[in-house]
Amino acid sequence: MIKITSILTQITEKVFPMKNVDEAKAFITEFIADKEINDYDKANMLRAVRECKNMSAINRYLCNALLKYEGLSIK
């Protein structure tokens, strides 16, 4: 059985342990760049990551993105 992991889950597994904001931004940008994601969503994700000033902001954004894009938000 193959376990399929979402792109955001893959990103969070790598980024959450990171301490350097620039390293995290570079990883996220590179990871998202070559994935098949809706262009509008991809642009929004990359913009949001660029605007993050520290690791706390990146982690918060990733948690919120998981809720939004993985259908886990409350309607």
Protein backbone atom coordinates (compact mmCIF):
# COMPACT_ATOMS: atom_id res chain seq x y z
CA MET A 1 0.00 0.00 0.00
CA ILE A 2 1.37 3.41 -0.99
CA LYS A 3 0.87 6.26 1.44
CA ILE A 4 0.21 9.54 -0.37
CA THR A 5 1.37 12.62 1.52
CA SER A 6 0.22 16.09 0.58
CA ILE A 7 2.70 18.72 -0.54
CA LEU A 8 2.02 20.86 2.53
CA THR A 9 2.55 17.91 4.86
CA GLN A 10 5.85 17.16 3.16
CA ILE A 11 6.90 20.79 3.59
CA THR A 12 5.93 20.99 7.25
CA GLU A 13 7.85 17.82 8.08
CA LYS A 14 11.04 19.49 6.81
CA VAL A 15 10.40 23.11 7.83
CA PHE A 16 9.09 22.77 11.41
CA PRO A 17 12.49 21.61 12.76
CA MET A 18 14.34 24.40 10.92
CA LYS A 19 15.68 27.37 12.89
CA ASN A 20 16.77 29.68 10.05
CA VAL A 21 14.02 31.70 8.36
CA ASP A 22 15.97 32.22 5.11
CA GLU A 23 16.72 28.50 4.84
CA ALA A 24 13.04 27.69 5.40
CA LYS A 25 11.90 30.23 2.79
CA ALA A 26 14.38 28.88 0.24
CA PHE A 27 13.29 25.29 0.88
CA ILE A 28 9.59 26.13 0.58
CA THR A 29 10.09 28.21 -2.57
CA GLU A 30 12.16 25.52 -4.26
CA PHE A 31 9.82 22.73 -3.18
CA ILE A 32 6.68 24.47 -4.40
CA ALA A 33 8.21 25.75 -7.65
CA ASP A 34 8.25 22.41 -9.44
CA LYS A 35 5.04 20.95 -8.03
CA GLU A 36 1.79 20.79 -9.95
CA ILE A 37 -0.21 23.28 -7.94
CA ASN A 38 -2.84 25.64 -9.28
CA ASP A 39 -0.92 28.75 -10.44
CA TYR A 40 -3.12 31.10 -8.40
CA ASP A 41 -2.62 29.08 -5.20
CA LYS A 42 1.09 28.68 -5.89
CA ALA A 43 1.53 32.45 -6.32
CA ASN A 44 -0.40 33.11 -3.10
CA MET A 45 1.66 30.58 -1.17
CA LEU A 46 4.96 31.98 -2.42
CA ARG A 47 3.86 35.55 -1.66
CA ALA A 48 2.79 34.60 1.85
CA VAL A 49 6.09 32.85 2.55
CA ARG A 50 8.09 35.83 1.25
CA GLU A 51 6.22 38.10 3.67
CA CYS A 52 7.05 35.98 6.74
CA LYS A 53 9.63 37.70 8.93
CA ASN A 54 10.54 34.84 11.28
CA MET A 55 10.13 31.09 11.83
CA SER A 56 7.07 31.59 14.00
CA ALA A 57 5.33 33.37 11.12
CA ILE A 58 6.32 30.63 8.66
CA ASN A 59 5.08 27.89 10.97
CA ARG A 60 1.81 29.75 11.58
CA TYR A 61 1.33 30.23 7.83
CA LEU A 62 1.99 26.53 7.14
CA CYS A 63 -0.51 25.48 9.83
CA ASN A 64 -3.14 27.83 8.39
CA ALA A 65 -2.39 26.64 4.85
CA LEU A 66 -2.87 23.04 5.92
CA LEU A 67 -6.25 23.96 7.32
CA LYS A 68 -7.25 25.89 4.20
CA TYR A 69 -5.88 23.71 1.39
CA GLU A 70 -6.35 20.30 3.00
CA GLY A 71 -10.01 20.95 3.74
CA LEU A 72 -9.54 20.86 7.49
CA SER A 73 -10.99 24.29 8.23
CA ILE A 74 -14.29 24.82 9.95
CA LYS A 75 -16.97 26.03 7.56
